[in-house]
């Protein structure tokens, strides 16, 4: 093979290899940063990975919110009408956090099936329900969300 062609082939192979390596590393980084949504039923069934960042959402169970008076530790439960999952969060809850309202908790599921949240997101008005939470509630057959106001406003 001609030396000029040999050098061109090497350059092309290096470019292909480098591009492939960059694409693989980029896809791996994206996969690690993905936060998949799980409903309380899926969390209770063990479908969510343990010790990996996920999003879990549902309605805050009335009477379940407990706050430690000496720290910022909060414990509450979320439900979709079929299963209840306990959530632990240390920090200041959003102003719109209420029992009976929809929330999404971002965090890691521990071995005992409790969500250790790093962030809690609350809905922003009385008509809005996060789409993932609303879908999970409808799928679970929750009576209040078979035809929600959020579906009418979208």
Protein backbone atom coordinates (compact mmCIF):
# COMPACT_ATOMS: atom_id res chain seq x y z
CA UNK A 1 0.00 0.00 0.00
CA UNK A 2 1.17 3.47 -0.84
CA UNK A 3 2.59 5.36 2.25
CA UNK A 4 0.31 8.35 1.59
CA UNK A 5 -2.76 6.11 1.54
CA UNK A 6 -1.53 4.34 4.65
CA UNK A 7 -1.29 7.66 6.52
CA UNK A 8 -4.75 8.71 5.31
CA UNK A 9 -6.20 5.39 6.47
CA UNK A 10 -4.60 5.83 9.89
CA UNK A 11 -6.00 9.36 10.19
CA UNK A 12 -9.50 8.19 9.21
CA UNK A 13 -9.32 5.30 11.69
CA UNK A 14 -8.19 7.65 14.49
CA UNK A 15 -11.07 10.02 13.71
CA UNK A 16 -13.61 7.17 13.69
CA UNK A 17 -12.21 5.73 16.93
CA UNK A 18 -12.13 9.14 18.63
CA UNK A 19 -15.67 9.99 17.55
CA UNK A 20 -16.97 6.61 18.70
CA UNK A 21 -15.26 6.98 22.07
CA UNK A 22 -16.70 10.48 22.54
CA UNK A 23 -20.20 9.25 21.64
CA UNK A 24 -20.02 6.32 24.09
CA UNK A 25 -18.74 8.52 26.92
CA UNK A 26 -21.46 11.10 26.22
CA UNK A 27 -24.21 8.47 26.29
CA UNK A 28 -22.88 6.99 29.53
CA UNK A 29 -22.85 10.43 31.15
CA UNK A 30 -26.43 11.06 30.01
CA UNK A 31 -27.60 7.71 31.36
CA UNK A 32 -26.09 8.41 34.78
CA UNK A 33 -27.90 11.75 34.99
CA UNK A 34 -31.33 10.42 34.02
CA UNK A 35 -33.94 10.57 36.80
CA UNK A 36 -36.70 8.11 36.01
CA UNK A 37 -40.15 8.62 37.55
CA UNK A 38 -41.72 5.86 39.65
CA UNK A 39 -45.18 5.80 41.22
CA UNK A 40 -45.65 4.50 44.79
CA UNK A 41 -46.99 1.20 43.40
CA UNK A 42 -43.83 0.71 41.33
CA UNK A 43 -41.63 1.68 44.28
CA UNK A 44 -43.44 -0.76 46.59
CA UNK A 45 -43.17 -3.53 43.98
CA UNK A 46 -39.39 -3.10 43.86
CA UNK A 47 -39.27 -1.91 40.24
CA UNK A 48 -37.04 1.06 41.11
CA UNK A 49 -33.28 0.62 41.49
CA UNK A 50 -31.83 0.91 45.00
CA UNK A 51 -29.23 3.66 45.63
CA UNK A 52 -29.76 5.32 42.24
CA UNK A 53 -31.28 8.77 41.85
CA UNK A 54 -34.95 8.55 40.89
CA UNK A 55 -38.11 10.63 41.08
CA UNK A 56 -41.05 9.35 43.07
CA UNK A 57 -44.34 11.16 43.20
CA UNK A 58 -47.85 11.02 44.49
CA UNK A 59 -50.17 12.69 46.95
CA UNK A 60 -48.89 13.46 50.44
CA UNK A 61 -50.85 11.25 52.85
CA UNK A 62 -52.94 13.38 55.22
CA UNK A 63 -51.54 13.19 58.75
CA UNK A 64 -48.22 11.67 57.67
CA UNK A 65 -45.98 14.76 57.77
CA UNK A 66 -43.64 14.83 60.77
CA UNK A 67 -40.99 17.49 61.31
CA UNK A 68 -38.14 17.26 63.77
CA UNK A 69 -38.27 20.41 65.91
CA UNK A 70 -34.49 20.44 66.45
CA UNK A 71 -33.41 20.03 62.82
CA UNK A 72 -34.68 20.36 59.28
CA UNK A 73 -35.55 16.66 59.05
CA UNK A 74 -38.97 15.93 57.55
CA UNK A 75 -40.75 12.62 57.10
CA UNK A 76 -43.94 12.13 55.13
CA UNK A 77 -45.63 9.48 53.02
CA UNK A 78 -46.80 9.61 49.42
CA UNK A 79 -49.52 7.52 47.85
CA UNK A 80 -51.24 6.91 44.55
CA UNK A 81 -54.25 5.29 46.19
CA UNK A 82 -52.79 1.77 46.09
CA UNK A 83 -49.43 1.92 47.84
CA UNK A 84 -47.80 4.18 50.40
CA UNK A 85 -44.08 5.05 50.39
CA UNK A 86 -42.28 6.84 53.23
CA UNK A 87 -40.10 9.81 52.23
CA UNK A 88 -37.28 11.31 54.33
CA UNK A 89 -36.11 14.82 53.47
CA UNK A 90 -33.69 17.11 55.27
CA UNK A 91 -34.14 20.72 54.30
CA UNK A 92 -36.77 23.38 53.92
CA UNK A 93 -39.91 22.14 52.21
CA UNK A 94 -41.45 24.29 49.45
CA UNK A 95 -44.03 26.84 50.59
CA UNK A 96 -46.72 25.04 48.59
CA UNK A 97 -46.08 21.67 50.29
CA UNK A 98 -49.35 20.46 51.84
CA UNK A 99 -50.82 17.18 52.94
CA UNK A 100 -53.21 15.84 50.33
CA UNK A 101 -51.36 17.65 47.51
CA UNK A 102 -49.18 16.27 44.74
CA UNK A 103 -45.39 16.25 45.13
CA UNK A 104 -42.37 14.81 43.38
CA UNK A 105 -39.43 13.75 45.54
CA UNK A 106 -36.01 13.39 43.90
CA UNK A 107 -33.64 11.09 45.75
CA UNK A 108 -32.46 7.53 46.29
CA UNK A 109 -34.43 4.50 47.40
CA UNK A 110 -32.83 2.72 50.35
CA UNK A 111 -32.80 -1.03 51.00
CA UNK A 112 -35.92 -0.82 53.21
CA UNK A 113 -37.97 0.78 50.40
CA UNK A 114 -37.98 4.34 51.76
CA UNK A 115 -37.12 7.30 49.55
CA UNK A 116 -34.27 9.45 50.88
CA UNK A 117 -35.07 12.70 49.08
CA UNK A 118 -32.53 15.37 48.17
CA UNK A 119 -35.21 17.62 46.69
CA UNK A 120 -38.99 17.95 47.03
CA UNK A 121 -41.03 19.64 44.31
CA UNK A 122 -44.57 20.80 45.08
CA UNK A 123 -47.27 21.81 42.65
CA UNK A 124 -47.60 25.51 41.95
CA UNK A 125 -51.36 26.09 42.14
CA UNK A 126 -54.59 24.31 43.01
CA UNK A 127 -55.27 23.16 39.43
CA UNK A 128 -51.82 21.87 38.48
CA UNK A 129 -50.73 18.30 38.99
CA UNK A 130 -47.32 17.12 37.74
CA UNK A 131 -48.03 15.00 34.64
CA UNK A 132 -46.14 12.00 36.00
CA UNK A 133 -48.09 12.07 39.28
CA UNK A 134 -51.42 12.56 37.52
CA UNK A 135 -50.69 9.64 35.18
CA UNK A 136 -49.71 7.40 38.09
CA UNK A 137 -52.87 8.34 40.01
CA UNK A 138 -55.06 7.67 36.97
CA UNK A 139 -53.33 4.35 36.32
CA UNK A 140 -53.86 3.35 39.96
CA UNK A 141 -57.56 4.21 39.62
CA UNK A 142 -57.53 6.99 42.21
CA UNK A 143 -61.12 8.33 42.28
CA UNK A 144 -60.20 12.02 42.48
CA UNK A 145 -58.04 11.91 39.35
CA UNK A 146 -60.11 10.01 36.85
CA UNK A 147 -60.89 13.39 35.24
CA UNK A 148 -58.74 16.09 36.83
CA UNK A 149 -58.84 19.85 36.19
CA UNK A 150 -55.25 19.65 34.96
CA UNK A 151 -56.36 17.54 32.01
CA UNK A 152 -58.97 20.15 31.10
CA UNK A 153 -56.51 23.05 31.19
CA UNK A 154 -53.80 21.37 29.06
